[in-house]
Amino acid sequence: MHYYIITGASRGLGKALAENVLQQENTAVLGVSRHATIEHPRYTHQPLDLSDMLAVQNNLHKVFPKWPDAESITLINNAGVLGDIAYLGEHQNEHFEFVFDVNVVAPAMLMNTFLSAYSGGSSTRTILNISSGAAQRAVDGWGAYCASKAALDMLSQVAQKEQDLRANGIRIRSLAPGVIDTVMQEHIRGADKQSFSEAERFSGLHSNGQLVEPEVVADTIIKWLQSPNLGEGVVLRITDI
């Protein structure tokens, strides 16, 4: 069996990834999110709010069961939040804790537990972190988001270097999936222009039909993940795969 652990599996790209995997035989998905929106005999839901660090710590053991028949095990850290769009100096301080918990701390804990649970196995083991192009460029109003995704990229690079040094054969990648038609994009389009200078550009992407459907992106990602060679780079864009 090929097992996938996918966070944020209730909607958007996470749901599209899970549904794509479940179309294939000999696959099973463990979805991690607050709510279950998928019904399938090979889908298992683990309710968890990744912004609640105490809940994450107490329930991580449920996310990584023993799978003795596993041909491959893949963790996709897909869940992420943009947070409030505003300039630094105009946020509540709790905003930064919330965004970094979901975008960096929870994925780091999931990666850490995955590597601890499955480092000794012989199956194909892969961690994919869903990043953003904003990790590589400054976007006004997105301070916490840009910084947290940049941190996720670096965490991925460090983890891959460590696994290479140990020769464990575990593959770790951080992928910016492009501009997808999701709830996050709706949030972006509703931003105040005084807090986000690119508001009109993002509205134009929507009105001009330039947003990509989650199902299209999910199909590209899953086909790439199932290939024997993911390429050499750790931090990638969807156009690289």
C-alpha atoms as a PDB file:
ATOM      1  CA  MET A   1       0.000   0.000   0.000  1.00  0.00           C
ATOM      2  CA  HIS A   2       0.960   3.600  -0.605  1.00  0.00           C
ATOM      3  CA  TYR A   3       0.091   5.791   2.376  1.00  0.00           C
ATOM      4  CA  TYR A   4      -0.346   9.568   2.346  1.00  0.00           C
ATOM      5  CA  ILE A   5      -0.652  11.880   5.342  1.00  0.00           C
ATOM      6  CA  ILE A   6      -2.081  15.210   4.176  1.00  0.00           C
ATOM      7  CA  THR A   7      -2.710  18.251   6.375  1.00  0.00           C
ATOM      8  CA  GLY A   8      -5.432  20.719   5.463  1.00  0.00           C
ATOM      9  CA  ALA A   9      -7.286  17.945   3.650  1.00  0.00           C
ATOM     10  CA  SER A  10     -10.763  19.420   4.099  1.00  0.00           C
ATOM     11  CA  ARG A  11     -10.651  21.962   1.265  1.00  0.00           C
ATOM     12  CA  GLY A  12      -8.603  23.598  -1.473  1.00  0.00           C
ATOM     13  CA  LEU A  13      -5.372  21.999  -2.581  1.00  0.00           C
ATOM     14  CA  GLY A  14      -5.277  19.567   0.355  1.00  0.00           C
ATOM     15  CA  LYS A  15      -8.656  18.096  -0.522  1.00  0.00           C
ATOM     16  CA  ALA A  16      -7.733  17.933  -4.209  1.00  0.00           C
ATOM     17  CA  LEU A  17      -4.501  16.089  -3.356  1.00  0.00           C
ATOM     18  CA  ALA A  18      -6.343  13.571  -1.194  1.00  0.00           C
ATOM     19  CA  GLU A  19      -9.041  12.941  -3.782  1.00  0.00           C
ATOM     20  CA  ASN A  20      -6.445  12.519  -6.528  1.00  0.00           C
ATOM     21  CA  VAL A  21      -4.568   9.897  -4.510  1.00  0.00           C
ATOM     22  CA  LEU A  22      -7.764   8.018  -3.657  1.00  0.00           C
ATOM     23  CA  GLN A  23      -8.590   7.584  -7.348  1.00  0.00           C
ATOM     24  CA  GLN A  24      -5.668   5.177  -7.537  1.00  0.00           C
ATOM     25  CA  GLU A  25      -5.654   1.608  -6.302  1.00  0.00           C
ATOM     26  CA  ASN A  26      -3.467   0.481  -3.384  1.00  0.00           C
ATOM     27  CA  THR A  27      -3.531   3.926  -1.762  1.00  0.00           C
ATOM     28  CA  ALA A  28      -4.801   5.234   1.546  1.00  0.00           C
ATOM     29  CA  VAL A  29      -5.004   8.764   2.912  1.00  0.00           C
ATOM     30  CA  LEU A  30      -4.904   9.993   6.493  1.00  0.00           C
ATOM     31  CA  GLY A  31      -6.266  13.526   6.401  1.00  0.00           C
ATOM     32  CA  VAL A  32      -5.425  15.998   9.149  1.00  0.00           C
ATOM     33  CA  SER A  33      -7.740  18.994   9.513  1.00  0.00           C
ATOM     34  CA  ARG A  34     -10.419  20.411  11.758  1.00  0.00           C
ATOM     35  CA  HIS A  35     -13.304  19.028   9.728  1.00  0.00           C
ATOM     36  CA  ALA A  36     -13.837  15.956   7.541  1.00  0.00           C
ATOM     37  CA  THR A  37     -15.219  16.616   4.049  1.00  0.00           C
ATOM     38  CA  ILE A  38     -14.132  13.394   2.321  1.00  0.00           C
ATOM     39  CA  GLU A  39     -15.967  10.090   2.562  1.00  0.00           C
ATOM     40  CA  HIS A  40     -14.046   7.140   1.137  1.00  0.00           C
ATOM     41  CA  PRO A  41     -13.281   3.625   2.398  1.00  0.00           C
ATOM     42  CA  ARG A  42      -9.543   4.315   2.182  1.00  0.00           C
ATOM     43  CA  TYR A  43      -9.713   7.732   3.834  1.00  0.00           C
ATOM     44  CA  THR A  44      -9.137   8.191   7.570  1.00  0.00           C
ATOM     45  CA  HIS A  45      -9.733  11.536   9.219  1.00  0.00           C
ATOM     46  CA  GLN A  46      -7.730  12.852  12.160  1.00  0.00           C
ATOM     47  CA  PRO A  47      -9.429  15.968  13.553  1.00  0.00           C
ATOM     48  CA  LEU A  48      -6.791  18.491  14.583  1.00  0.00           C
ATOM     49  CA  ASP A  49      -6.422  22.264  14.710  1.00  0.00           C
ATOM     50  CA  LEU A  50      -2.807  22.985  13.767  1.00  0.00           C
ATOM     51  CA  SER A  51      -2.946  26.392  15.454  1.00  0.00           C
ATOM     52  CA  ASP A  52      -3.541  24.664  18.808  1.00  0.00           C
ATOM     53  CA  MET A  53      -0.045  23.621  19.820  1.00  0.00           C
ATOM     54  CA  LEU A  54      -1.160  21.677  22.874  1.00  0.00           C
ATOM     55  CA  ALA A  55      -3.581  19.640  20.772  1.00  0.00           C
ATOM     56  CA  VAL A  56      -0.879  19.035  18.153  1.00  0.00           C
ATOM     57  CA  GLN A  57       1.569  17.758  20.769  1.00  0.00           C
ATOM     58  CA  ASN A  58      -1.038  15.508  22.372  1.00  0.00           C
ATOM     59  CA  ASN A  59      -2.297  13.985  19.127  1.00  0.00           C
ATOM     60  CA  LEU A  60       0.802  13.624  16.942  1.00  0.00           C
ATOM     61  CA  HIS A  61       1.113   9.938  17.798  1.00  0.00           C
ATOM     62  CA  LYS A  62      -2.250   9.335  16.071  1.00  0.00           C
ATOM     63  CA  VAL A  63      -0.975  10.763  12.773  1.00  0.00           C
ATOM     64  CA  PHE A  64       1.898   8.312  12.272  1.00  0.00           C
ATOM     65  CA  PRO A  65       0.686   4.729  12.764  1.00  0.00           C
ATOM     66  CA  LYS A  66       2.711   1.644  11.986  1.00  0.00           C
ATOM     67  CA  TRP A  67       2.105   0.486   8.424  1.00  0.00           C
ATOM     68  CA  PRO A  68       3.980  -2.812   7.989  1.00  0.00           C
ATOM     69  CA  ASP A  69       2.645  -3.265   4.439  1.00  0.00           C
ATOM     70  CA  ALA A  70       3.782   0.185   3.266  1.00  0.00           C
ATOM     71  CA  GLU A  71       5.495   0.415  -0.101  1.00  0.00           C
ATOM     72  CA  SER A  72       5.664   4.163   0.364  1.00  0.00           C
ATOM     73  CA  ILE A  73       4.745   6.732   3.008  1.00  0.00           C
ATOM     74  CA  THR A  74       4.343  10.400   2.094  1.00  0.00           C
ATOM     75  CA  LEU A  75       3.714  13.374   4.379  1.00  0.00           C
ATOM     76  CA  ILE A  76       2.321  16.469   2.680  1.00  0.00           C
ATOM     77  CA  ASN A  77       2.395  19.532   4.939  1.00  0.00           C
ATOM     78  CA  ASN A  78      -0.218  21.439   2.968  1.00  0.00           C
ATOM     79  CA  ALA A  79      -2.103  23.382   5.656  1.00  0.00           C
ATOM     80  CA  GLY A  80      -1.178  27.040   5.803  1.00  0.00           C
ATOM     81  CA  VAL A  81      -2.602  30.446   6.664  1.00  0.00           C
ATOM     82  CA  LEU A  82      -2.005  33.920   5.290  1.00  0.00           C
ATOM     83  CA  GLY A  83      -3.309  35.651   8.417  1.00  0.00           C
ATOM     84  CA  ASP A  84      -4.442  39.253   8.540  1.00  0.00           C
ATOM     85  CA  ILE A  85      -3.163  41.471   5.747  1.00  0.00           C
ATOM     86  CA  ALA A  86      -1.636  44.544   7.352  1.00  0.00           C
ATOM     87  CA  TYR A  87       1.682  46.307   7.787  1.00  0.00           C
ATOM     88  CA  LEU A  88       3.988  45.555  10.707  1.00  0.00           C
ATOM     89  CA  GLY A  89       3.113  47.966  13.455  1.00  0.00           C
ATOM     90  CA  GLU A  90      -0.600  47.560  12.702  1.00  0.00           C
ATOM     91  CA  HIS A  91      -1.091  43.941  13.847  1.00  0.00           C
ATOM     92  CA  GLN A  92      -2.083  42.408  17.121  1.00  0.00           C
ATOM     93  CA  ASN A  93       1.015  40.567  18.346  1.00  0.00           C
ATOM     94  CA  GLU A  94      -0.953  37.311  18.534  1.00  0.00           C
ATOM     95  CA  HIS A  95      -1.137  37.356  14.741  1.00  0.00           C
ATOM     96  CA  PHE A  96       2.519  36.345  14.425  1.00  0.00           C
ATOM     97  CA  GLU A  97       2.163  33.437  16.822  1.00  0.00           C
ATOM     98  CA  PHE A  98      -0.865  32.138  14.920  1.00  0.00           C
ATOM     99  CA  VAL A  99       0.745  32.304  11.468  1.00  0.00           C
ATOM    100  CA  PHE A 100       4.086  30.844  12.551  1.00  0.00           C
ATOM    101  CA  ASP A 101       2.408  28.054  14.529  1.00  0.00           C
ATOM    102  CA  VAL A 102       0.439  26.852  11.508  1.00  0.00           C
ATOM    103  CA  ASN A 103       3.053  27.534   8.805  1.00  0.00           C
ATOM    104  CA  VAL A 104       6.272  26.539  10.580  1.00  0.00           C
ATOM    105  CA  VAL A 105       5.933  25.083  14.079  1.00  0.00           C
ATOM    106  CA  ALA A 106       3.265  22.484  13.280  1.00  0.00           C
ATOM    107  CA  PRO A 107       4.987  21.339  10.046  1.00  0.00           C
ATOM    108  CA  ALA A 108       8.304  21.113  11.921  1.00  0.00           C
ATOM    109  CA  MET A 109       6.718  18.916  14.577  1.00  0.00           C
ATOM    110  CA  LEU A 110       5.064  16.755  11.928  1.00  0.00           C
ATOM    111  CA  MET A 111       8.363  16.391  10.055  1.00  0.00           C
ATOM    112  CA  ASN A 112      10.207  15.583  13.265  1.00  0.00           C
ATOM    113  CA  THR A 113       7.709  12.893  14.234  1.00  0.00           C
ATOM    114  CA  PHE A 114       7.587  11.445  10.706  1.00  0.00           C
ATOM    115  CA  LEU A 115      11.374  11.104  10.627  1.00  0.00           C
ATOM    116  CA  SER A 116      11.422   9.557  14.081  1.00  0.00           C
ATOM    117  CA  ALA A 117       8.650   7.080  13.241  1.00  0.00           C
ATOM    118  CA  TYR A 118       9.784   5.997   9.780  1.00  0.00           C
ATOM    119  CA  SER A 119      13.536   6.610   9.514  1.00  0.00           C
ATOM    120  CA  GLY A 120      14.332   2.930   9.914  1.00  0.00           C
ATOM    121  CA  GLY A 121      12.006   1.658   7.217  1.00  0.00           C
ATOM    122  CA  SER A 122      12.825   0.348   3.770  1.00  0.00           C
ATOM    123  CA  SER A 123       9.801   1.844   2.000  1.00  0.00           C
ATOM    124  CA  THR A 124       9.980   5.003  -0.096  1.00  0.00           C
ATOM    125  CA  ARG A 125       9.547   7.901   2.314  1.00  0.00           C
ATOM    126  CA  THR A 126       8.850  11.444   1.222  1.00  0.00           C
ATOM    127  CA  ILE A 127       8.034  14.745   2.913  1.00  0.00           C
ATOM    128  CA  LEU A 128       6.550  17.513   0.799  1.00  0.00           C
ATOM    129  CA  ASN A 129       6.081  20.955   2.336  1.00  0.00           C
ATOM    130  CA  ILE A 130       3.753  23.279   0.445  1.00  0.00           C
ATOM    131  CA  SER A 131       5.499  26.640   0.394  1.00  0.00           C
ATOM    132  CA  SER A 132       4.876  29.809  -1.590  1.00  0.00           C
ATOM    133  CA  GLY A 133       6.571  32.127  -4.041  1.00  0.00           C
ATOM    134  CA  ALA A 134       6.175  34.708  -1.266  1.00  0.00           C
ATOM    135  CA  ALA A 135       8.947  32.893   0.603  1.00  0.00           C
ATOM    136  CA  GLN A 136      11.382  34.355  -1.906  1.00  0.00           C
ATOM    137  CA  ARG A 137      10.097  37.927  -2.232  1.00  0.00           C
ATOM    138  CA  ALA A 138       8.841  40.654   0.074  1.00  0.00           C
ATOM    139  CA  VAL A 139       5.105  41.324  -0.211  1.00  0.00           C
ATOM    140  CA  ASP A 140       3.785  44.255   1.770  1.00  0.00           C
ATOM    141  CA  GLY A 141       1.067  43.278   4.227  1.00  0.00           C
ATOM    142  CA  TRP A 142       2.213  39.643   4.229  1.00  0.00           C
ATOM    143  CA  GLY A 143       5.119  39.902   6.672  1.00  0.00           C
ATOM    144  CA  ALA A 144       4.329  36.852   8.794  1.00  0.00           C
ATOM    145  CA  TYR A 145       3.336  34.748   5.787  1.00  0.00           C
ATOM    146  CA  CYS A 146       6.471  35.560   3.764  1.00  0.00           C
ATOM    147  CA  ALA A 147       8.760  34.981   6.738  1.00  0.00           C
ATOM    148  CA  SER A 148       7.069  31.745   7.810  1.00  0.00           C
ATOM    149  CA  LYS A 149       7.219  30.243   4.328  1.00  0.00           C
ATOM    150  CA  ALA A 150      10.871  31.259   4.011  1.00  0.00           C
ATOM    151  CA  ALA A 151      11.507  29.473   7.306  1.00  0.00           C
ATOM    152  CA  LEU A 152       9.719  26.373   5.974  1.00  0.00           C
ATOM    153  CA  ASP A 153      11.964  26.399   2.895  1.00  0.00           C
ATOM    154  CA  MET A 154      15.113  26.535   5.020  1.00  0.00           C
ATOM    155  CA  LEU A 155      13.824  23.869   7.399  1.00  0.00           C
ATOM    156  CA  SER A 156      13.288  21.612   4.385  1.00  0.00           C
ATOM    157  CA  GLN A 157      16.827  22.202   3.147  1.00  0.00           C
ATOM    158  CA  VAL A 158      18.339  21.465   6.549  1.00  0.00           C
ATOM    159  CA  ALA A 159      16.271  18.308   6.953  1.00  0.00           C
ATOM    160  CA  GLN A 160      17.265  17.018   3.518  1.00  0.00           C
ATOM    161  CA  LYS A 161      20.949  17.696   4.230  1.00  0.00           C
ATOM    162  CA  GLU A 162      20.662  15.757   7.482  1.00  0.00           C
ATOM    163  CA  GLN A 163      18.962  12.806   5.812  1.00  0.00           C
ATOM    164  CA  ASP A 164      21.597  12.781   3.071  1.00  0.00           C
ATOM    165  CA  LEU A 165      24.381  12.742   5.673  1.00  0.00           C
ATOM    166  CA  ARG A 166      22.692   9.792   7.380  1.00  0.00           C
ATOM    167  CA  ALA A 167      22.049   8.121   4.002  1.00  0.00           C
ATOM    168  CA  ASN A 168      18.475   7.324   5.042  1.00  0.00           C
ATOM    169  CA  GLY A 169      17.066   7.703   1.547  1.00  0.00           C
ATOM    170  CA  ILE A 170      14.288  10.022   2.689  1.00  0.00           C
ATOM    171  CA  ARG A 171      13.227  12.677   0.171  1.00  0.00           C
ATOM    172  CA  ILE A 172      12.268  16.163   1.396  1.00  0.00           C
ATOM    173  CA  ARG A 173      11.036  18.960  -0.837  1.00  0.00           C
ATOM    174  CA  SER A 174       9.438  22.390  -0.412  1.00  0.00           C
ATOM    175  CA  LEU A 175       7.221  23.383  -3.332  1.00  0.00           C
ATOM    176  CA  ALA A 176       5.578  26.678  -4.272  1.00  0.00           C
ATOM    177  CA  PRO A 177       2.394  25.542  -6.080  1.00  0.00           C
ATOM    178  CA  GLY A 178       1.611  28.756  -7.929  1.00  0.00           C
ATOM    179  CA  VAL A 179      -1.527  30.876  -7.792  1.00  0.00           C
ATOM    180  CA  ILE A 180      -4.484  28.584  -7.079  1.00  0.00           C
ATOM    181  CA  ASP A 181      -8.194  29.373  -6.946  1.00  0.00           C
ATOM    182  CA  THR A 182      -8.783  28.849  -3.215  1.00  0.00           C
ATOM    183  CA  VAL A 183     -10.370  30.549  -0.217  1.00  0.00           C
ATOM    184  CA  MET A 184      -7.006  32.198   0.482  1.00  0.00           C
ATOM    185  CA  GLN A 185      -7.258  34.006  -2.857  1.00  0.00           C
ATOM    186  CA  GLU A 186     -10.713  35.287  -1.881  1.00  0.00           C
ATOM    187  CA  HIS A 187      -9.168  36.653   1.308  1.00  0.00           C
ATOM    188  CA  ILE A 188      -6.403  38.354  -0.687  1.00  0.00           C
ATOM    189  CA  ARG A 189      -8.861  39.994  -3.086  1.00  0.00           C
ATOM    190  CA  GLY A 190     -10.729  41.501  -0.145  1.00  0.00           C
ATOM    191  CA  ALA A 191      -7.652  43.241   1.255  1.00  0.00           C
ATOM    192  CA  ASP A 192      -7.514  46.991   1.815  1.00  0.00           C
ATOM    193  CA  LYS A 193      -5.257  48.648  -0.795  1.00  0.00           C
ATOM    194  CA  GLN A 194      -3.674  50.705   1.989  1.00  0.00           C
ATOM    195  CA  SER A 195      -2.414  47.461   3.535  1.00  0.00           C
ATOM    196  CA  PHE A 196      -1.550  45.631   0.316  1.00  0.00           C
ATOM    197  CA  SER A 197      -0.178  47.416  -2.743  1.00  0.00           C
ATOM    198  CA  GLU A 198      -0.719  44.376  -5.013  1.00  0.00           C
ATOM    199  CA  ALA A 199      -4.474  44.145  -4.402  1.00  0.00           C
ATOM    200  CA  GLU A 200      -5.405  45.113  -7.963  1.00  0.00           C
ATOM    201  CA  ARG A 201      -2.962  42.630  -9.497  1.00  0.00           C
ATOM    202  CA  PHE A 202      -4.427  39.731  -7.546  1.00  0.00           C
ATOM    203  CA  SER A 203      -7.968  40.810  -8.397  1.00  0.00           C
ATOM    204  CA  GLY A 204      -6.901  40.864 -12.028  1.00  0.00           C
ATOM    205  CA  LEU A 205      -5.609  37.300 -11.828  1.00  0.00           C
ATOM    206  CA  HIS A 206      -9.091  36.216 -10.802  1.00  0.00           C
ATOM    207  CA  SER A 207     -11.058  38.312 -13.285  1.00  0.00           C
ATOM    208  CA  ASN A 208      -8.756  37.266 -16.159  1.00  0.00           C
ATOM    209  CA  GLY A 209      -9.080  33.575 -15.357  1.00  0.00           C
ATOM    210  CA  GLN A 210      -5.412  33.174 -14.423  1.00  0.00           C
ATOM    211  CA  LEU A 211      -5.999  31.246 -11.215  1.00  0.00           C
ATOM    212  CA  VAL A 212      -5.404  27.514 -11.551  1.00  0.00           C
ATOM    213  CA  GLU A 213      -7.952  25.021 -10.239  1.00  0.00           C
ATOM    214  CA  PRO A 214      -6.728  22.967  -7.245  1.00  0.00           C
ATOM    215  CA  GLU A 215      -7.437  19.702  -9.077  1.00  0.00           C
ATOM    216  CA  VAL A 216      -5.047  20.632 -11.887  1.00  0.00           C
ATOM    217  CA  VAL A 217      -2.239  21.487  -9.472  1.00  0.00           C
ATOM    218  CA  ALA A 218      -2.902  18.360  -7.406  1.00  0.00           C
ATOM    219  CA  ASP A 219      -2.607  16.135 -10.474  1.00  0.00           C
ATOM    220  CA  THR A 220       0.775  17.667 -11.356  1.00  0.00           C
ATOM    221  CA  ILE A 221       2.065  17.283  -7.797  1.00  0.00           C
ATOM    222  CA  ILE A 222       0.965  13.667  -7.314  1.00  0.00           C
ATOM    223  CA  LYS A 223       2.398  12.530 -10.646  1.00  0.00           C
ATOM    224  CA  TRP A 224       5.704  14.159  -9.681  1.00  0.00           C
ATOM    225  CA  LEU A 225       5.703  12.667  -6.174  1.00  0.00           C
ATOM    226  CA  GLN A 226       5.157   9.199  -7.589  1.00  0.00           C
ATOM    227  CA  SER A 227       8.094   9.468  -9.975  1.00  0.00           C
ATOM    228  CA  PRO A 228      11.326   7.728  -8.922  1.00  0.00           C
ATOM    229  CA  ASN A 229      13.379  10.929  -9.234  1.00  0.00           C
ATOM    230  CA  LEU A 230      12.231  14.250  -7.756  1.00  0.00           C
ATOM    231  CA  GLY A 231      15.281  16.114  -9.009  1.00  0.00           C
ATOM    232  CA  GLU A 232      18.163  17.553  -7.022  1.00  0.00           C
ATOM    233  CA  GLY A 233      16.799  20.843  -5.707  1.00  0.00           C
ATOM    234  CA  VAL A 234      14.954  20.983  -2.399  1.00  0.00           C
ATOM    235  CA  VAL A 235      13.135  24.315  -2.808  1.00  0.00           C
ATOM    236  CA  LEU A 236      11.120  24.310  -6.018  1.00  0.00           C
ATOM    237  CA  ARG A 237       8.312  26.009  -7.919  1.00  0.00           C
ATOM    238  CA  ILE A 238       5.515  24.157  -9.684  1.00  0.00           C
ATOM    239  CA  THR A 239       7.091  25.148 -13.005  1.00  0.00           C
ATOM    240  CA  ASP A 240      10.240  23.201 -12.043  1.00  0.00           C
ATOM    241  CA  ILE A 241       8.571  19.810 -11.854  1.00  0.00           C
END
